[in-house]
Amino acid sequence: MEDQIVLAVATALATKGAEALGVGARSAIGSLLSLVRGRFGAGTRESAVLDAAMAHPQERWRHAALASALADAMARDPSFTAALDDEWRRLARAGVVAVQGQVVNHFSGTAGKVVQARDVQGDINF
């Protein structure tokens, strides 16, 4: 997997992983989280990095640390690399995550005005 995709996986886990914990593997990101947790194991440095990234999703440096932990695990385990790549591509086909320039926007909740966009050039006025 390319470094950009590994960082995208880490970012998805950091930002959506905590939500998936409540729903479990039934959620789209939950299946990705289960795969990564299964590879990292319980009580490991890698699992602590994953937990910290999910606990503090706004801290981008934690995404990078998780991406590094994923890359290390992938370098040691080609079958994990293949499984992670397959799962990420499955989620991309389902429109859950974005891959290589795609955009996936989701909004839930209430708001007076919402803008979801990519590559905006110029002003947005309401």
C-alpha atoms as a PDB file:
ATOM      1  CA  MET A   1       0.000   0.000   0.000  1.00  0.00           C
ATOM      2  CA  GLU A   2       1.160   3.517  -0.674  1.00  0.00           C
ATOM      3  CA  ASP A   3       2.138   5.726   2.254  1.00  0.00           C
ATOM      4  CA  GLN A   4      -0.783   8.063   1.496  1.00  0.00           C
ATOM      5  CA  ILE A   5      -3.252   5.209   1.747  1.00  0.00           C
ATOM      6  CA  VAL A   6      -1.718   3.969   4.995  1.00  0.00           C
ATOM      7  CA  LEU A   7      -2.121   7.497   6.408  1.00  0.00           C
ATOM      8  CA  ALA A   8      -5.723   7.558   5.128  1.00  0.00           C
ATOM      9  CA  VAL A   9      -6.402   4.244   6.902  1.00  0.00           C
ATOM     10  CA  ALA A  10      -4.868   5.612  10.094  1.00  0.00           C
ATOM     11  CA  THR A  11      -6.910   8.809   9.831  1.00  0.00           C
ATOM     12  CA  ALA A  12     -10.128   6.875   9.262  1.00  0.00           C
ATOM     13  CA  LEU A  13      -9.409   4.712  12.291  1.00  0.00           C
ATOM     14  CA  ALA A  14      -8.509   7.721  14.437  1.00  0.00           C
ATOM     15  CA  THR A  15     -11.556   9.754  13.477  1.00  0.00           C
ATOM     16  CA  LYS A  16     -14.190   7.022  13.147  1.00  0.00           C
ATOM     17  CA  GLY A  17     -12.763   4.174  15.199  1.00  0.00           C
ATOM     18  CA  ALA A  18     -14.221   5.341  18.505  1.00  0.00           C
ATOM     19  CA  GLU A  19     -17.688   5.534  16.933  1.00  0.00           C
ATOM     20  CA  ALA A  20     -17.260   1.998  15.607  1.00  0.00           C
ATOM     21  CA  LEU A  21     -16.568   0.676  19.098  1.00  0.00           C
ATOM     22  CA  GLY A  22     -20.174   1.308  20.076  1.00  0.00           C
ATOM     23  CA  VAL A  23     -21.525  -0.428  16.986  1.00  0.00           C
ATOM     24  CA  GLY A  24     -18.875  -3.132  16.686  1.00  0.00           C
ATOM     25  CA  ALA A  25     -17.722  -4.940  13.557  1.00  0.00           C
ATOM     26  CA  ARG A  26     -21.188  -4.455  12.014  1.00  0.00           C
ATOM     27  CA  SER A  27     -20.218  -0.904  11.081  1.00  0.00           C
ATOM     28  CA  ALA A  28     -18.166  -0.193   7.996  1.00  0.00           C
ATOM     29  CA  ILE A  29     -15.160   1.130   9.883  1.00  0.00           C
ATOM     30  CA  GLY A  30     -15.746  -1.501  12.567  1.00  0.00           C
ATOM     31  CA  SER A  31     -14.582  -4.219  10.194  1.00  0.00           C
ATOM     32  CA  LEU A  32     -11.386  -2.280   9.506  1.00  0.00           C
ATOM     33  CA  LEU A  33     -10.901  -1.661  13.222  1.00  0.00           C
ATOM     34  CA  SER A  34     -11.378  -5.346  14.007  1.00  0.00           C
ATOM     35  CA  LEU A  35      -8.776  -6.301  11.428  1.00  0.00           C
ATOM     36  CA  VAL A  36      -6.219  -3.862  12.823  1.00  0.00           C
ATOM     37  CA  ARG A  37      -6.947  -4.696  16.472  1.00  0.00           C
ATOM     38  CA  GLY A  38      -6.602  -8.380  15.677  1.00  0.00           C
ATOM     39  CA  ARG A  39      -3.178  -7.812  14.136  1.00  0.00           C
ATOM     40  CA  PHE A  40      -1.939  -5.438  16.839  1.00  0.00           C
ATOM     41  CA  GLY A  41      -3.105  -7.617  19.724  1.00  0.00           C
ATOM     42  CA  ALA A  42      -4.055  -6.529  23.230  1.00  0.00           C
ATOM     43  CA  GLY A  43      -1.658  -4.697  25.504  1.00  0.00           C
ATOM     44  CA  THR A  44       0.910  -3.955  22.808  1.00  0.00           C
ATOM     45  CA  ARG A  45       2.602  -0.674  21.943  1.00  0.00           C
ATOM     46  CA  GLU A  46       0.689  -0.710  18.656  1.00  0.00           C
ATOM     47  CA  SER A  47      -2.674  -1.111  20.370  1.00  0.00           C
ATOM     48  CA  ALA A  48      -1.787   1.783  22.697  1.00  0.00           C
ATOM     49  CA  VAL A  49      -1.008   3.948  19.650  1.00  0.00           C
ATOM     50  CA  LEU A  50      -4.358   2.973  18.106  1.00  0.00           C
ATOM     51  CA  ASP A  51      -6.258   3.717  21.323  1.00  0.00           C
ATOM     52  CA  ALA A  52      -4.518   7.081  21.735  1.00  0.00           C
ATOM     53  CA  ALA A  53      -5.310   8.057  18.136  1.00  0.00           C
ATOM     54  CA  MET A  54      -8.984   7.211  18.646  1.00  0.00           C
ATOM     55  CA  ALA A  55      -9.080   9.036  21.992  1.00  0.00           C
ATOM     56  CA  HIS A  56      -7.557  12.190  20.457  1.00  0.00           C
ATOM     57  CA  PRO A  57      -8.637  12.237  16.792  1.00  0.00           C
ATOM     58  CA  GLN A  58      -8.006  15.966  16.450  1.00  0.00           C
ATOM     59  CA  GLU A  59      -4.268  15.475  17.059  1.00  0.00           C
ATOM     60  CA  ARG A  60      -2.883  14.810  13.586  1.00  0.00           C
ATOM     61  CA  TRP A  61       0.489  13.654  14.900  1.00  0.00           C
ATOM     62  CA  ARG A  62      -1.317  10.660  16.391  1.00  0.00           C
ATOM     63  CA  HIS A  63      -2.596   9.756  12.910  1.00  0.00           C
ATOM     64  CA  ALA A  64       1.009   9.743  11.707  1.00  0.00           C
ATOM     65  CA  ALA A  65       2.093   7.591  14.666  1.00  0.00           C
ATOM     66  CA  LEU A  66      -0.701   5.126  13.886  1.00  0.00           C
ATOM     67  CA  ALA A  67       0.277   5.114  10.200  1.00  0.00           C
ATOM     68  CA  SER A  68       3.831   4.272  11.242  1.00  0.00           C
ATOM     69  CA  ALA A  69       2.610   1.409  13.448  1.00  0.00           C
ATOM     70  CA  LEU A  70       0.481   0.112  10.567  1.00  0.00           C
ATOM     71  CA  ALA A  71       3.404   0.343   8.146  1.00  0.00           C
ATOM     72  CA  ASP A  72       5.636  -1.588  10.568  1.00  0.00           C
ATOM     73  CA  ALA A  73       3.021  -4.335  10.971  1.00  0.00           C
ATOM     74  CA  MET A  74       2.556  -4.484   7.210  1.00  0.00           C
ATOM     75  CA  ALA A  75       6.307  -4.804   6.624  1.00  0.00           C
ATOM     76  CA  ARG A  76       6.402  -7.822   8.943  1.00  0.00           C
ATOM     77  CA  ASP A  77       3.198  -9.493   7.739  1.00  0.00           C
ATOM     78  CA  PRO A  78       2.370  -9.614   4.012  1.00  0.00           C
ATOM     79  CA  SER A  79      -0.936 -11.375   4.692  1.00  0.00           C
ATOM     80  CA  PHE A  80      -1.994  -8.468   6.942  1.00  0.00           C
ATOM     81  CA  THR A  81      -0.996  -6.059   4.176  1.00  0.00           C
ATOM     82  CA  ALA A  82      -3.171  -7.923   1.682  1.00  0.00           C
ATOM     83  CA  ALA A  83      -6.121  -8.118   4.087  1.00  0.00           C
ATOM     84  CA  LEU A  84      -5.863  -4.419   4.963  1.00  0.00           C
ATOM     85  CA  ASP A  85      -5.649  -3.458   1.297  1.00  0.00           C
ATOM     86  CA  ASP A  86      -8.657  -5.639   0.454  1.00  0.00           C
ATOM     87  CA  GLU A  87     -10.728  -4.180   3.285  1.00  0.00           C
ATOM     88  CA  TRP A  88      -9.792  -0.592   2.418  1.00  0.00           C
ATOM     89  CA  ARG A  89     -10.728  -1.131  -1.226  1.00  0.00           C
ATOM     90  CA  ARG A  90     -14.021  -2.756  -0.182  1.00  0.00           C
ATOM     91  CA  LEU A  91     -14.837   0.296   1.939  1.00  0.00           C
ATOM     92  CA  ALA A  92     -13.889   2.575  -0.956  1.00  0.00           C
ATOM     93  CA  ARG A  93     -16.211   0.716  -3.345  1.00  0.00           C
ATOM     94  CA  ALA A  94     -18.997   1.045  -0.800  1.00  0.00           C
ATOM     95  CA  GLY A  95     -18.399   4.819  -0.620  1.00  0.00           C
ATOM     96  CA  VAL A  96     -17.395   4.725   3.044  1.00  0.00           C
ATOM     97  CA  VAL A  97     -13.846   5.995   2.557  1.00  0.00           C
ATOM     98  CA  ALA A  98     -12.075   7.961  -0.144  1.00  0.00           C
ATOM     99  CA  VAL A  99      -9.184   6.545  -2.135  1.00  0.00           C
ATOM    100  CA  GLN A 100      -6.807   8.414  -4.432  1.00  0.00           C
ATOM    101  CA  GLY A 101      -8.687  11.609  -5.060  1.00  0.00           C
ATOM    102  CA  GLN A 102     -12.221  10.430  -4.402  1.00  0.00           C
ATOM    103  CA  VAL A 103     -14.437  12.381  -2.046  1.00  0.00           C
ATOM    104  CA  VAL A 104     -16.891  10.926   0.452  1.00  0.00           C
ATOM    105  CA  ASN A 105     -19.028  13.373   2.391  1.00  0.00           C
ATOM    106  CA  HIS A 106     -21.297  12.362   5.250  1.00  0.00           C
ATOM    107  CA  PHE A 107     -23.379  14.630   7.411  1.00  0.00           C
ATOM    108  CA  SER A 108     -25.539  13.696  10.344  1.00  0.00           C
ATOM    109  CA  GLY A 109     -27.169  15.949  12.834  1.00  0.00           C
ATOM    110  CA  THR A 110     -28.824  19.293  12.470  1.00  0.00           C
ATOM    111  CA  ALA A 111     -27.544  22.526  11.025  1.00  0.00           C
ATOM    112  CA  GLY A 112     -28.914  25.636   9.449  1.00  0.00           C
ATOM    113  CA  LYS A 113     -26.458  25.442   6.565  1.00  0.00           C
ATOM    114  CA  VAL A 114     -23.957  22.790   5.540  1.00  0.00           C
ATOM    115  CA  VAL A 115     -21.334  22.817   2.810  1.00  0.00           C
ATOM    116  CA  GLN A 116     -19.667  19.622   1.684  1.00  0.00           C
ATOM    117  CA  ALA A 117     -17.284  20.111  -1.162  1.00  0.00           C
ATOM    118  CA  ARG A 118     -13.955  19.420  -2.728  1.00  0.00           C
ATOM    119  CA  ASP A 119     -11.644  21.774  -4.578  1.00  0.00           C
ATOM    120  CA  VAL A 120     -13.608  24.947  -3.977  1.00  0.00           C
ATOM    121  CA  GLN A 121     -12.123  27.937  -5.737  1.00  0.00           C
ATOM    122  CA  GLY A 122     -13.689  31.217  -4.843  1.00  0.00           C
ATOM    123  CA  ASP A 123     -16.278  32.214  -2.307  1.00  0.00           C
ATOM    124  CA  ILE A 124     -19.199  30.296  -0.915  1.00  0.00           C
ATOM    125  CA  ASN A 125     -22.121  32.576  -0.113  1.00  0.00           C
ATOM    126  CA  PHE A 126     -25.433  31.884   1.567  1.00  0.00           C
END
